[in-house]
N, C-alpha and C. Protein backbone atom coordinates (compact mmCIF):
# COMPACT_ATOMS: atom_id res chain seq x y z
N MET A 1 203.36 129.37 93.58
CA MET A 1 203.42 129.42 92.11
C MET A 1 202.02 129.55 91.54
N ASN A 2 201.90 130.32 90.46
CA ASN A 2 200.63 130.43 89.74
C ASN A 2 200.87 130.11 88.27
N VAL A 3 199.82 130.24 87.45
CA VAL A 3 199.94 129.90 86.03
C VAL A 3 201.02 130.74 85.36
N SER A 4 201.01 132.04 85.63
CA SER A 4 201.95 132.94 84.97
C SER A 4 203.40 132.57 85.28
N LYS A 5 203.70 132.35 86.56
CA LYS A 5 205.07 132.02 86.95
C LYS A 5 205.50 130.65 86.41
N THR A 6 204.57 129.71 86.37
CA THR A 6 204.89 128.38 85.87
C THR A 6 205.15 128.42 84.37
N VAL A 7 204.37 129.23 83.64
CA VAL A 7 204.58 129.40 82.21
C VAL A 7 205.97 129.99 81.95
N LYS A 8 206.34 131.02 82.70
CA LYS A 8 207.66 131.63 82.53
C LYS A 8 208.77 130.60 82.77
N LYS A 9 208.60 129.80 83.81
CA LYS A 9 209.61 128.80 84.15
C LYS A 9 209.77 127.79 83.02
N LEU A 10 208.66 127.28 82.51
CA LEU A 10 208.72 126.26 81.45
C LEU A 10 209.28 126.82 80.16
N VAL A 11 208.91 128.04 79.81
CA VAL A 11 209.39 128.64 78.57
C VAL A 11 210.86 129.01 78.68
N ASN A 12 211.29 129.50 79.84
CA ASN A 12 212.69 129.87 80.03
C ASN A 12 213.62 128.68 79.95
N GLU A 13 213.09 127.49 80.19
CA GLU A 13 213.90 126.28 80.08
C GLU A 13 214.17 125.91 78.63
N GLN A 14 213.45 126.57 77.70
CA GLN A 14 213.59 126.29 76.27
C GLN A 14 213.69 127.61 75.50
N PRO A 15 214.88 128.23 75.47
CA PRO A 15 215.04 129.55 74.85
C PRO A 15 214.61 129.63 73.40
N PHE A 16 214.78 128.55 72.63
CA PHE A 16 214.36 128.59 71.24
C PHE A 16 212.84 128.66 71.13
N LEU A 17 212.17 128.08 72.10
CA LEU A 17 210.72 128.13 72.13
C LEU A 17 210.25 129.56 72.32
N LEU A 18 210.95 130.28 73.19
CA LEU A 18 210.59 131.67 73.43
C LEU A 18 210.77 132.52 72.18
N GLU A 19 211.86 132.28 71.46
CA GLU A 19 212.09 133.04 70.23
C GLU A 19 211.06 132.68 69.16
N ALA A 20 210.70 131.41 69.10
CA ALA A 20 209.70 130.98 68.13
C ALA A 20 208.36 131.67 68.39
N LEU A 21 208.02 131.82 69.66
CA LEU A 21 206.79 132.55 70.01
C LEU A 21 206.89 134.01 69.57
N ASN A 22 208.05 134.59 69.80
CA ASN A 22 208.25 135.98 69.44
C ASN A 22 208.15 136.20 67.94
N ARG A 23 208.59 135.21 67.16
CA ARG A 23 208.53 135.31 65.70
C ARG A 23 207.16 134.95 65.14
N GLY A 24 206.29 134.44 65.99
CA GLY A 24 204.97 134.06 65.52
C GLY A 24 204.95 132.71 64.83
N ILE A 25 206.00 131.90 65.03
CA ILE A 25 206.08 130.59 64.40
C ILE A 25 205.16 129.59 65.10
N ILE A 26 205.01 129.77 66.42
CA ILE A 26 204.18 128.87 67.21
C ILE A 26 202.90 129.59 67.62
N HIS A 27 201.78 128.91 67.48
CA HIS A 27 200.49 129.48 67.87
C HIS A 27 200.34 129.38 69.39
N PHE A 28 199.93 130.48 70.02
CA PHE A 28 199.80 130.49 71.48
C PHE A 28 198.83 129.40 71.96
N GLY A 29 197.73 129.24 71.27
CA GLY A 29 196.74 128.25 71.68
C GLY A 29 197.27 126.83 71.61
N ASN A 30 198.01 126.53 70.54
CA ASN A 30 198.58 125.18 70.40
C ASN A 30 199.60 124.88 71.48
N LEU A 31 200.44 125.88 71.78
CA LEU A 31 201.44 125.67 72.82
C LEU A 31 200.77 125.57 74.19
N ALA A 32 199.72 126.34 74.39
CA ALA A 32 198.99 126.29 75.66
C ALA A 32 198.45 124.88 75.90
N ALA A 33 197.92 124.27 74.85
CA ALA A 33 197.39 122.90 74.97
C ALA A 33 198.51 121.92 75.32
N GLU A 34 199.69 122.16 74.76
CA GLU A 34 200.84 121.29 75.02
C GLU A 34 201.34 121.45 76.46
N LEU A 35 201.35 122.69 76.96
CA LEU A 35 201.90 122.96 78.29
C LEU A 35 200.91 122.68 79.42
N LYS A 36 199.64 122.66 79.10
CA LYS A 36 198.59 122.54 80.12
C LYS A 36 198.80 121.36 81.08
N PRO A 37 199.06 120.13 80.60
CA PRO A 37 199.26 119.02 81.55
C PRO A 37 200.46 119.23 82.48
N LYS A 38 201.55 119.81 81.96
CA LYS A 38 202.73 120.06 82.78
C LYS A 38 202.44 121.09 83.86
N ILE A 39 201.70 122.12 83.48
CA ILE A 39 201.36 123.18 84.44
C ILE A 39 200.44 122.63 85.52
N GLU A 40 199.46 121.84 85.12
CA GLU A 40 198.54 121.24 86.09
C GLU A 40 199.29 120.32 87.04
N SER A 41 200.30 119.61 86.52
CA SER A 41 201.09 118.71 87.36
C SER A 41 201.90 119.50 88.39
N GLU A 42 202.48 120.61 87.96
CA GLU A 42 203.29 121.41 88.87
C GLU A 42 202.44 122.14 89.90
N LEU A 43 201.27 122.63 89.47
CA LEU A 43 200.41 123.38 90.38
C LEU A 43 199.48 122.47 91.18
N GLU A 44 199.38 121.22 90.72
CA GLU A 44 198.51 120.24 91.37
C GLU A 44 197.06 120.71 91.42
N LYS A 45 196.62 121.31 90.31
CA LYS A 45 195.23 121.73 90.18
C LYS A 45 194.94 121.95 88.69
N PRO A 46 193.66 121.88 88.30
CA PRO A 46 193.33 122.09 86.88
C PRO A 46 193.48 123.56 86.48
N VAL A 47 193.89 123.78 85.22
CA VAL A 47 193.96 125.14 84.66
C VAL A 47 193.30 125.11 83.28
N THR A 48 192.95 126.27 82.78
CA THR A 48 192.33 126.33 81.45
C THR A 48 193.38 126.67 80.41
N GLU A 49 193.16 126.21 79.18
CA GLU A 49 194.08 126.54 78.09
C GLU A 49 194.11 128.03 77.84
N SER A 50 192.97 128.69 78.01
CA SER A 50 192.92 130.13 77.76
C SER A 50 193.80 130.90 78.75
N SER A 51 193.85 130.43 80.00
CA SER A 51 194.70 131.12 80.99
C SER A 51 196.18 130.92 80.67
N VAL A 52 196.51 129.73 80.16
CA VAL A 52 197.91 129.47 79.78
C VAL A 52 198.28 130.30 78.57
N ALA A 53 197.39 130.37 77.57
CA ALA A 53 197.65 131.16 76.36
C ALA A 53 197.82 132.63 76.72
N MET A 54 196.99 133.13 77.63
CA MET A 54 197.09 134.52 78.05
C MET A 54 198.43 134.78 78.74
N ALA A 55 198.86 133.85 79.58
CA ALA A 55 200.15 134.00 80.27
C ALA A 55 201.30 134.01 79.26
N LEU A 56 201.20 133.18 78.23
CA LEU A 56 202.23 133.15 77.19
C LEU A 56 202.30 134.49 76.46
N ARG A 57 201.14 135.02 76.07
CA ARG A 57 201.10 136.31 75.35
C ARG A 57 201.69 137.42 76.20
N ARG A 58 201.31 137.45 77.46
CA ARG A 58 201.80 138.51 78.35
C ARG A 58 203.32 138.42 78.54
N TYR A 59 203.82 137.19 78.64
CA TYR A 59 205.26 137.03 78.85
C TYR A 59 206.05 137.45 77.63
N VAL A 60 205.57 137.07 76.46
CA VAL A 60 206.26 137.46 75.23
C VAL A 60 206.26 138.99 75.08
N GLU A 61 205.14 139.62 75.37
CA GLU A 61 205.06 141.08 75.29
C GLU A 61 206.01 141.72 76.30
N GLU A 62 206.12 141.11 77.45
CA GLU A 62 206.95 141.64 78.53
C GLU A 62 208.43 141.70 78.14
N ILE A 63 208.89 140.68 77.40
CA ILE A 63 210.32 140.62 77.10
C ILE A 63 210.61 140.73 75.61
N ARG A 64 209.66 141.19 74.83
CA ARG A 64 209.82 141.24 73.37
C ARG A 64 211.05 142.00 72.95
N ASP A 65 211.39 143.07 73.64
CA ASP A 65 212.54 143.89 73.25
C ASP A 65 213.87 143.22 73.54
N ARG A 66 213.85 142.10 74.26
CA ARG A 66 215.10 141.46 74.66
C ARG A 66 215.39 140.16 73.94
N ILE A 67 214.46 139.70 73.07
CA ILE A 67 214.67 138.41 72.44
C ILE A 67 214.55 138.49 70.93
N GLY A 68 215.43 137.74 70.28
CA GLY A 68 215.29 137.50 68.84
C GLY A 68 215.35 138.72 67.95
N ILE A 69 215.90 139.83 68.43
CA ILE A 69 215.94 141.04 67.62
C ILE A 69 217.39 141.44 67.39
N VAL A 70 217.79 141.53 66.13
CA VAL A 70 219.13 141.98 65.79
C VAL A 70 219.13 143.50 65.70
N LYS A 71 219.84 144.14 66.59
CA LYS A 71 219.83 145.59 66.63
C LYS A 71 220.84 146.17 65.63
N PRO A 72 220.47 147.25 64.95
CA PRO A 72 221.45 147.94 64.10
C PRO A 72 222.52 148.59 64.97
N LEU A 73 223.78 148.23 64.75
CA LEU A 73 224.85 148.66 65.66
C LEU A 73 225.85 149.61 65.01
N GLY A 74 225.75 149.78 63.71
CA GLY A 74 226.70 150.65 63.04
C GLY A 74 228.10 150.07 62.99
N LEU A 75 228.21 148.74 63.03
CA LEU A 75 229.51 148.08 63.00
C LEU A 75 229.95 147.85 61.56
N ASP A 76 231.23 147.99 61.32
CA ASP A 76 231.82 147.73 60.00
C ASP A 76 232.45 146.35 60.05
N CYS A 77 231.90 145.38 59.28
CA CYS A 77 232.42 144.02 59.35
C CYS A 77 232.27 143.29 58.03
N GLU A 78 232.97 142.16 57.91
CA GLU A 78 232.92 141.34 56.70
C GLU A 78 233.07 139.88 57.08
N VAL A 79 232.65 138.99 56.17
CA VAL A 79 232.76 137.55 56.41
C VAL A 79 233.78 136.96 55.45
N THR A 80 234.68 136.12 55.98
CA THR A 80 235.63 135.40 55.14
C THR A 80 235.47 133.90 55.39
N MET A 81 235.91 133.10 54.42
CA MET A 81 235.79 131.65 54.53
C MET A 81 237.10 130.97 54.18
N LYS A 82 237.50 130.01 55.01
CA LYS A 82 238.65 129.16 54.72
C LYS A 82 238.16 127.73 54.67
N THR A 83 238.54 127.01 53.62
CA THR A 83 238.10 125.63 53.46
C THR A 83 239.26 124.66 53.74
N SER A 84 238.97 123.38 53.67
CA SER A 84 239.98 122.32 53.84
C SER A 84 240.71 122.44 55.17
N ILE A 85 239.93 122.29 56.23
CA ILE A 85 240.48 122.33 57.59
C ILE A 85 240.17 121.00 58.27
N CYS A 86 241.09 120.53 59.10
CA CYS A 86 240.82 119.35 59.91
C CYS A 86 240.94 119.71 61.38
N ASP A 87 240.28 118.94 62.21
CA ASP A 87 240.20 119.27 63.62
C ASP A 87 240.51 118.04 64.46
N PHE A 88 241.39 118.19 65.45
CA PHE A 88 241.77 117.11 66.36
C PHE A 88 241.44 117.52 67.79
N ASN A 89 240.90 116.60 68.56
CA ASN A 89 240.74 116.80 70.00
C ASN A 89 241.53 115.71 70.70
N ILE A 90 242.46 116.13 71.56
CA ILE A 90 243.43 115.21 72.15
C ILE A 90 243.46 115.40 73.67
N VAL A 91 243.68 114.30 74.37
CA VAL A 91 243.83 114.39 75.82
C VAL A 91 245.08 115.22 76.14
N LYS A 92 244.92 116.18 77.02
CA LYS A 92 246.03 117.06 77.39
C LYS A 92 247.12 116.27 78.11
N SER A 93 248.36 116.48 77.68
CA SER A 93 249.50 115.81 78.32
C SER A 93 250.71 116.73 78.23
N ASN A 94 251.70 116.46 79.06
CA ASN A 94 252.92 117.27 79.04
C ASN A 94 253.65 117.14 77.71
N THR A 95 253.66 115.93 77.16
CA THR A 95 254.35 115.74 75.89
C THR A 95 253.66 116.50 74.76
N LEU A 96 252.34 116.56 74.80
CA LEU A 96 251.62 117.30 73.77
C LEU A 96 251.88 118.80 73.92
N LEU A 97 251.87 119.29 75.14
CA LEU A 97 252.14 120.71 75.37
C LEU A 97 253.51 121.10 74.85
N GLN A 98 254.47 120.19 74.98
CA GLN A 98 255.81 120.48 74.49
C GLN A 98 255.89 120.53 72.97
N GLN A 99 254.93 119.89 72.31
CA GLN A 99 254.94 119.84 70.85
C GLN A 99 254.24 121.04 70.20
N LEU A 100 253.54 121.83 70.96
CA LEU A 100 252.72 122.90 70.37
C LEU A 100 253.56 123.86 69.53
N LYS A 101 254.77 124.14 69.99
CA LYS A 101 255.63 125.04 69.22
C LYS A 101 255.90 124.47 67.82
N THR A 102 255.98 123.15 67.73
CA THR A 102 256.21 122.50 66.44
C THR A 102 255.06 122.78 65.47
N PHE A 103 253.83 122.75 65.99
CA PHE A 103 252.67 122.99 65.13
C PHE A 103 252.66 124.42 64.59
N TYR A 104 253.03 125.36 65.44
CA TYR A 104 253.07 126.76 64.99
C TYR A 104 254.14 126.95 63.91
N GLY A 105 255.25 126.24 64.05
CA GLY A 105 256.30 126.36 63.05
C GLY A 105 255.99 125.62 61.76
N MET A 106 254.99 124.77 61.79
CA MET A 106 254.64 123.96 60.64
C MET A 106 253.87 124.75 59.58
N VAL A 107 253.05 125.71 60.00
CA VAL A 107 252.15 126.41 59.09
C VAL A 107 252.73 127.74 58.63
N ASP A 108 252.19 128.24 57.53
CA ASP A 108 252.58 129.56 57.02
C ASP A 108 251.33 130.44 57.05
N LEU A 109 251.11 131.08 58.18
CA LEU A 109 249.91 131.89 58.34
C LEU A 109 249.88 133.07 57.38
N GLY A 110 251.06 133.55 57.02
CA GLY A 110 251.13 134.68 56.09
C GLY A 110 250.64 134.33 54.70
N ARG A 111 250.61 133.05 54.36
CA ARG A 111 250.13 132.61 53.05
C ARG A 111 248.74 131.98 53.12
N GLY A 112 248.06 132.23 54.21
CA GLY A 112 246.67 131.79 54.28
C GLY A 112 246.43 130.48 54.98
N ASP A 113 247.46 129.86 55.56
CA ASP A 113 247.23 128.64 56.33
C ASP A 113 246.38 128.95 57.56
N PHE A 114 245.72 127.92 58.06
CA PHE A 114 244.85 128.10 59.23
C PHE A 114 245.38 127.27 60.38
N LEU A 115 245.41 127.86 61.56
CA LEU A 115 245.79 127.12 62.77
C LEU A 115 245.15 127.77 63.98
N ASN A 116 244.47 126.97 64.77
CA ASN A 116 243.99 127.43 66.07
C ASN A 116 244.17 126.30 67.07
N ILE A 117 244.81 126.62 68.18
CA ILE A 117 245.03 125.65 69.25
C ILE A 117 244.33 126.16 70.50
N THR A 118 243.44 125.35 71.05
CA THR A 118 242.72 125.71 72.26
C THR A 118 243.11 124.73 73.36
N ILE A 119 243.60 125.27 74.47
CA ILE A 119 244.05 124.43 75.58
C ILE A 119 243.00 124.48 76.69
N GLY A 120 242.34 123.35 76.91
CA GLY A 120 241.36 123.25 77.97
C GLY A 120 241.96 122.64 79.22
N ASN A 121 241.11 122.36 80.21
CA ASN A 121 241.60 121.77 81.45
C ASN A 121 242.07 120.33 81.25
N ARG A 122 241.37 119.60 80.36
CA ARG A 122 241.69 118.20 80.17
C ARG A 122 242.03 117.85 78.73
N GLU A 123 241.66 118.71 77.82
CA GLU A 123 241.84 118.41 76.40
C GLU A 123 242.47 119.58 75.67
N ILE A 124 243.02 119.27 74.51
CA ILE A 124 243.56 120.30 73.61
C ILE A 124 242.93 120.07 72.24
N SER A 125 242.43 121.13 71.63
CA SER A 125 241.90 121.00 70.27
C SER A 125 242.83 121.73 69.31
N ILE A 126 243.02 121.11 68.17
CA ILE A 126 243.88 121.69 67.13
C ILE A 126 243.10 121.70 65.83
N ALA A 127 242.81 122.89 65.33
CA ALA A 127 242.18 123.05 64.02
C ALA A 127 243.26 123.60 63.09
N ILE A 128 243.50 122.90 61.99
CA ILE A 128 244.64 123.24 61.14
C ILE A 128 244.31 122.95 59.68
N SER A 129 244.98 123.63 58.79
CA SER A 129 244.78 123.38 57.36
C SER A 129 245.01 121.91 57.06
N GLN A 130 244.12 121.34 56.26
CA GLN A 130 244.11 119.89 56.04
C GLN A 130 245.36 119.36 55.37
N LYS A 131 246.09 120.21 54.67
CA LYS A 131 247.31 119.73 54.00
C LYS A 131 248.37 119.28 55.01
N TYR A 132 248.20 119.65 56.29
CA TYR A 132 249.14 119.23 57.33
C TYR A 132 248.62 118.03 58.12
N HIS A 133 247.55 117.44 57.64
CA HIS A 133 246.89 116.35 58.36
C HIS A 133 247.84 115.21 58.70
N GLU A 134 248.60 114.74 57.73
CA GLU A 134 249.49 113.60 57.96
C GLU A 134 250.62 113.96 58.94
N LYS A 135 251.14 115.17 58.83
CA LYS A 135 252.20 115.59 59.75
C LYS A 135 251.68 115.66 61.18
N ILE A 136 250.47 116.19 61.33
CA ILE A 136 249.88 116.28 62.67
C ILE A 136 249.66 114.88 63.24
N GLU A 137 249.11 113.99 62.42
CA GLU A 137 248.86 112.63 62.89
C GLU A 137 250.17 111.95 63.33
N ALA A 138 251.23 112.20 62.61
CA ALA A 138 252.52 111.62 62.97
C ALA A 138 252.99 112.14 64.34
N CYS A 139 252.75 113.42 64.58
CA CYS A 139 253.14 114.02 65.86
C CYS A 139 252.29 113.51 67.02
N LEU A 140 251.07 113.03 66.70
CA LEU A 140 250.14 112.61 67.75
C LEU A 140 250.11 111.10 67.96
N LYS A 141 251.05 110.39 67.38
CA LYS A 141 251.04 108.92 67.47
C LYS A 141 251.01 108.41 68.91
N LYS A 142 251.72 109.08 69.79
CA LYS A 142 251.79 108.62 71.18
C LYS A 142 250.78 109.31 72.08
N GLU A 143 249.91 110.13 71.48
CA GLU A 143 248.90 110.83 72.27
C GLU A 143 247.54 110.13 72.14
N THR A 144 246.63 110.47 73.03
CA THR A 144 245.28 109.91 72.99
C THR A 144 244.36 110.86 72.24
N VAL A 145 244.07 110.51 71.00
CA VAL A 145 243.20 111.35 70.17
C VAL A 145 241.74 110.95 70.42
N LEU A 146 240.95 111.88 70.92
CA LEU A 146 239.56 111.61 71.25
C LEU A 146 238.65 111.69 70.03
N HIS A 147 239.00 112.61 69.14
CA HIS A 147 238.14 112.81 67.96
C HIS A 147 238.93 113.55 66.90
N LYS A 148 238.70 113.19 65.65
CA LYS A 148 239.29 113.95 64.56
C LYS A 148 238.29 114.02 63.42
N GLN A 149 238.33 115.11 62.69
CA GLN A 149 237.37 115.29 61.60
C GLN A 149 238.02 116.12 60.50
N GLU A 150 237.74 115.73 59.26
CA GLU A 150 238.31 116.43 58.11
C GLU A 150 237.21 117.14 57.33
N GLU A 151 237.63 117.82 56.27
CA GLU A 151 236.71 118.54 55.38
C GLU A 151 235.84 119.53 56.13
N LEU A 152 236.50 120.38 56.91
CA LEU A 152 235.79 121.41 57.67
C LEU A 152 236.03 122.78 57.04
N VAL A 153 235.24 123.73 57.47
CA VAL A 153 235.31 125.10 56.95
C VAL A 153 235.33 126.07 58.13
N ALA A 154 236.13 127.12 58.02
CA ALA A 154 236.17 128.17 59.03
C ALA A 154 235.56 129.45 58.46
N LEU A 155 234.54 129.96 59.11
CA LEU A 155 233.93 131.23 58.73
C LEU A 155 234.29 132.26 59.78
N THR A 156 234.82 133.38 59.33
CA THR A 156 235.26 134.42 60.25
C THR A 156 234.54 135.73 59.96
N ILE A 157 233.97 136.32 61.00
CA ILE A 157 233.46 137.68 60.90
C ILE A 157 234.56 138.60 61.41
N ILE A 158 235.03 139.48 60.53
CA ILE A 158 236.08 140.43 60.89
C ILE A 158 235.42 141.78 61.14
N PHE A 159 235.59 142.29 62.35
CA PHE A 159 234.99 143.56 62.74
C PHE A 159 236.06 144.65 62.66
N ASN A 160 235.74 145.71 61.94
CA ASN A 160 236.67 146.84 61.86
C ASN A 160 236.28 147.93 62.84
N SER A 161 235.41 147.57 63.77
CA SER A 161 234.99 148.51 64.81
C SER A 161 234.86 147.74 66.12
N ASP A 162 234.21 148.32 67.11
CA ASP A 162 234.27 147.80 68.47
C ASP A 162 233.36 146.60 68.70
N PHE A 163 233.79 145.43 68.26
CA PHE A 163 233.06 144.19 68.50
C PHE A 163 233.24 143.71 69.94
N PHE A 164 234.46 143.81 70.44
CA PHE A 164 234.81 143.22 71.73
C PHE A 164 233.99 143.80 72.87
N HIS A 165 233.66 145.09 72.78
CA HIS A 165 232.92 145.74 73.86
C HIS A 165 231.45 145.98 73.52
N THR A 166 230.95 145.25 72.51
CA THR A 166 229.53 145.37 72.15
C THR A 166 228.81 144.11 72.59
N PRO A 167 227.95 144.19 73.61
CA PRO A 167 227.30 142.99 74.15
C PRO A 167 226.35 142.33 73.14
N GLY A 168 226.25 141.01 73.21
CA GLY A 168 225.22 140.29 72.49
C GLY A 168 225.55 139.81 71.10
N ILE A 169 226.69 140.21 70.53
CA ILE A 169 227.00 139.85 69.15
C ILE A 169 227.23 138.35 69.02
N THR A 170 228.06 137.79 69.89
CA THR A 170 228.34 136.35 69.80
C THR A 170 227.06 135.55 69.95
N TYR A 171 226.22 135.96 70.89
CA TYR A 171 224.94 135.26 71.09
C TYR A 171 224.10 135.29 69.82
N GLN A 172 224.01 136.44 69.17
CA GLN A 172 223.18 136.55 67.98
C GLN A 172 223.72 135.72 66.82
N VAL A 173 225.05 135.64 66.72
CA VAL A 173 225.65 134.81 65.67
C VAL A 173 225.33 133.34 65.91
N LEU A 174 225.55 132.87 67.13
CA LEU A 174 225.31 131.46 67.45
C LEU A 174 223.83 131.12 67.36
N GLN A 175 223.00 132.04 67.78
CA GLN A 175 221.55 131.83 67.72
C GLN A 175 221.08 131.69 66.28
N SER A 176 221.56 132.56 65.41
CA SER A 176 221.16 132.52 64.01
C SER A 176 221.57 131.21 63.34
N LEU A 177 222.76 130.71 63.68
CA LEU A 177 223.22 129.45 63.11
C LEU A 177 222.47 128.26 63.69
N ALA A 178 222.16 128.33 64.96
CA ALA A 178 221.42 127.24 65.60
C ALA A 178 220.04 127.07 64.97
N TRP A 179 219.42 128.20 64.58
CA TRP A 179 218.11 128.13 63.93
C TRP A 179 218.19 127.40 62.60
N LYS A 180 219.37 127.39 61.98
CA LYS A 180 219.56 126.66 60.72
C LYS A 180 220.14 125.27 60.95
N ASN A 181 220.17 124.84 62.21
CA ASN A 181 220.63 123.50 62.57
C ASN A 181 222.09 123.27 62.18
N VAL A 182 222.91 124.29 62.38
CA VAL A 182 224.35 124.19 62.09
C VAL A 182 225.09 123.77 63.35
N ASN A 183 225.87 122.70 63.23
CA ASN A 183 226.66 122.22 64.36
C ASN A 183 228.01 122.93 64.37
N LEU A 184 228.34 123.58 65.47
CA LEU A 184 229.60 124.32 65.59
C LEU A 184 230.65 123.43 66.27
N LEU A 185 231.75 123.19 65.57
CA LEU A 185 232.81 122.34 66.11
C LEU A 185 233.83 123.13 66.92
N GLU A 186 234.07 124.36 66.52
CA GLU A 186 234.99 125.24 67.24
C GLU A 186 234.44 126.65 67.20
N ILE A 187 234.62 127.39 68.28
CA ILE A 187 234.27 128.81 68.34
C ILE A 187 235.51 129.54 68.83
N ILE A 188 236.01 130.47 68.04
CA ILE A 188 237.27 131.16 68.33
C ILE A 188 237.02 132.66 68.26
N SER A 189 237.46 133.40 69.26
CA SER A 189 237.29 134.85 69.21
C SER A 189 238.57 135.57 69.60
N THR A 190 238.78 136.72 68.97
CA THR A 190 239.86 137.62 69.34
C THR A 190 239.25 139.01 69.51
N LEU A 191 240.08 140.01 69.62
CA LEU A 191 239.57 141.36 69.85
C LEU A 191 238.68 141.84 68.71
N THR A 192 239.00 141.45 67.48
CA THR A 192 238.25 141.97 66.33
C THR A 192 237.68 140.88 65.42
N GLU A 193 237.79 139.60 65.83
CA GLU A 193 237.32 138.53 64.97
C GLU A 193 236.54 137.48 65.75
N LEU A 194 235.56 136.91 65.08
CA LEU A 194 234.80 135.78 65.62
C LEU A 194 234.78 134.69 64.56
N THR A 195 235.36 133.54 64.88
CA THR A 195 235.49 132.44 63.92
C THR A 195 234.73 131.22 64.40
N ILE A 196 234.03 130.57 63.48
CA ILE A 196 233.38 129.30 63.78
C ILE A 196 233.90 128.25 62.80
N VAL A 197 234.12 127.05 63.31
CA VAL A 197 234.54 125.94 62.45
C VAL A 197 233.36 124.98 62.34
N ILE A 198 232.97 124.68 61.11
CA ILE A 198 231.77 123.88 60.85
C ILE A 198 232.05 122.82 59.80
N GLU A 199 231.09 121.92 59.60
CA GLU A 199 231.23 120.92 58.55
C GLU A 199 231.01 121.55 57.18
N LYS A 200 231.66 120.99 56.18
CA LYS A 200 231.59 121.53 54.82
C LYS A 200 230.16 121.62 54.32
N LYS A 201 229.33 120.64 54.67
CA LYS A 201 227.95 120.61 54.17
C LYS A 201 227.13 121.81 54.65
N ASP A 202 227.57 122.44 55.75
CA ASP A 202 226.83 123.59 56.29
C ASP A 202 227.42 124.93 55.85
N SER A 203 228.45 124.91 55.02
CA SER A 203 229.20 126.13 54.74
C SER A 203 228.39 127.19 53.98
N ILE A 204 227.65 126.78 52.95
CA ILE A 204 226.93 127.76 52.13
C ILE A 204 225.82 128.43 52.92
N LYS A 205 224.99 127.62 53.59
CA LYS A 205 223.89 128.22 54.34
C LYS A 205 224.41 129.06 55.51
N SER A 206 225.53 128.64 56.11
CA SER A 206 226.10 129.41 57.22
C SER A 206 226.65 130.74 56.73
N TYR A 207 227.32 130.71 55.58
CA TYR A 207 227.85 131.95 55.01
C TYR A 207 226.71 132.92 54.72
N THR A 208 225.62 132.40 54.16
CA THR A 208 224.46 133.24 53.85
C THR A 208 223.87 133.85 55.12
N VAL A 209 223.73 133.02 56.16
CA VAL A 209 223.18 133.51 57.44
C VAL A 209 224.06 134.62 58.01
N LEU A 210 225.37 134.41 58.01
CA LEU A 210 226.28 135.41 58.59
C LEU A 210 226.30 136.68 57.75
N HIS A 211 226.25 136.53 56.44
CA HIS A 211 226.25 137.71 55.57
C HIS A 211 225.01 138.56 55.83
N GLU A 212 223.86 137.92 55.95
CA GLU A 212 222.62 138.65 56.23
C GLU A 212 222.68 139.30 57.61
N LEU A 213 223.30 138.60 58.56
CA LEU A 213 223.39 139.12 59.91
C LEU A 213 224.27 140.36 59.99
N ILE A 214 225.42 140.33 59.31
CA ILE A 214 226.31 141.50 59.42
C ILE A 214 225.72 142.70 58.67
N GLU A 215 224.89 142.46 57.67
CA GLU A 215 224.20 143.58 57.03
C GLU A 215 223.36 144.33 58.05
N LYS A 216 222.73 143.57 58.96
CA LYS A 216 221.94 144.21 60.02
C LYS A 216 222.84 144.88 61.06
N PHE A 217 223.99 144.22 61.38
CA PHE A 217 224.92 144.83 62.30
C PHE A 217 225.43 146.18 61.78
N GLU A 218 225.63 146.25 60.47
CA GLU A 218 226.23 147.44 59.87
C GLU A 218 225.28 148.63 59.80
N GLN A 219 223.99 148.36 59.89
CA GLN A 219 223.03 149.45 59.84
C GLN A 219 223.20 150.36 61.06
N THR A 220 222.90 151.60 60.89
CA THR A 220 223.00 152.56 62.00
C THR A 220 221.63 152.74 62.61
N GLY A 221 221.54 152.56 63.93
CA GLY A 221 220.25 152.75 64.60
C GLY A 221 219.76 154.18 64.51
N GLN A 222 218.49 154.32 64.47
CA GLN A 222 217.89 155.65 64.38
C GLN A 222 217.72 156.25 65.78
């Protein structure tokens, strides 16, 4: 291992750090001073801050085209928002699986109700319009509810073009929201839609982030 390889290893362990360098948010010299003791510990020899800073600059230049850049894709898309959603996470059981049909029959999706059921290996999550909160709780009385949360919002990007076969879109959406410190409670995707369920307090800034992002998606590359 040398300084260059050690710098790459340390930076790759922190992807947001790499993007911050690419955006010019972090000064190479300041980060070099921060990383210097770790690099010396791994290499078991002294290194200079200037050599670390140089390695950082070279690495960012090397992969600049692959990080933190939203490419114009010529996609036709829009953002929609649904409010007043609650979310339940329950231990998976045979009795709960048998009740799922009841939940689907409870909502009126044609009139704008929201329902998403995700079946994991050990748990089941149910995100549903909050007006059904009491009915859902009644159905779950004999189940083990791990977590429940109310006053949530679902933001959906609807793609009218080929989202499913376009690499990197989900990553860019999640990355953009993470930079705004938005906690994602549910991530749901279909062939033409990508939905995130978030807390109400994050709804306005998240909507703004997604709206700005799809404007870039919609641009046609030159």
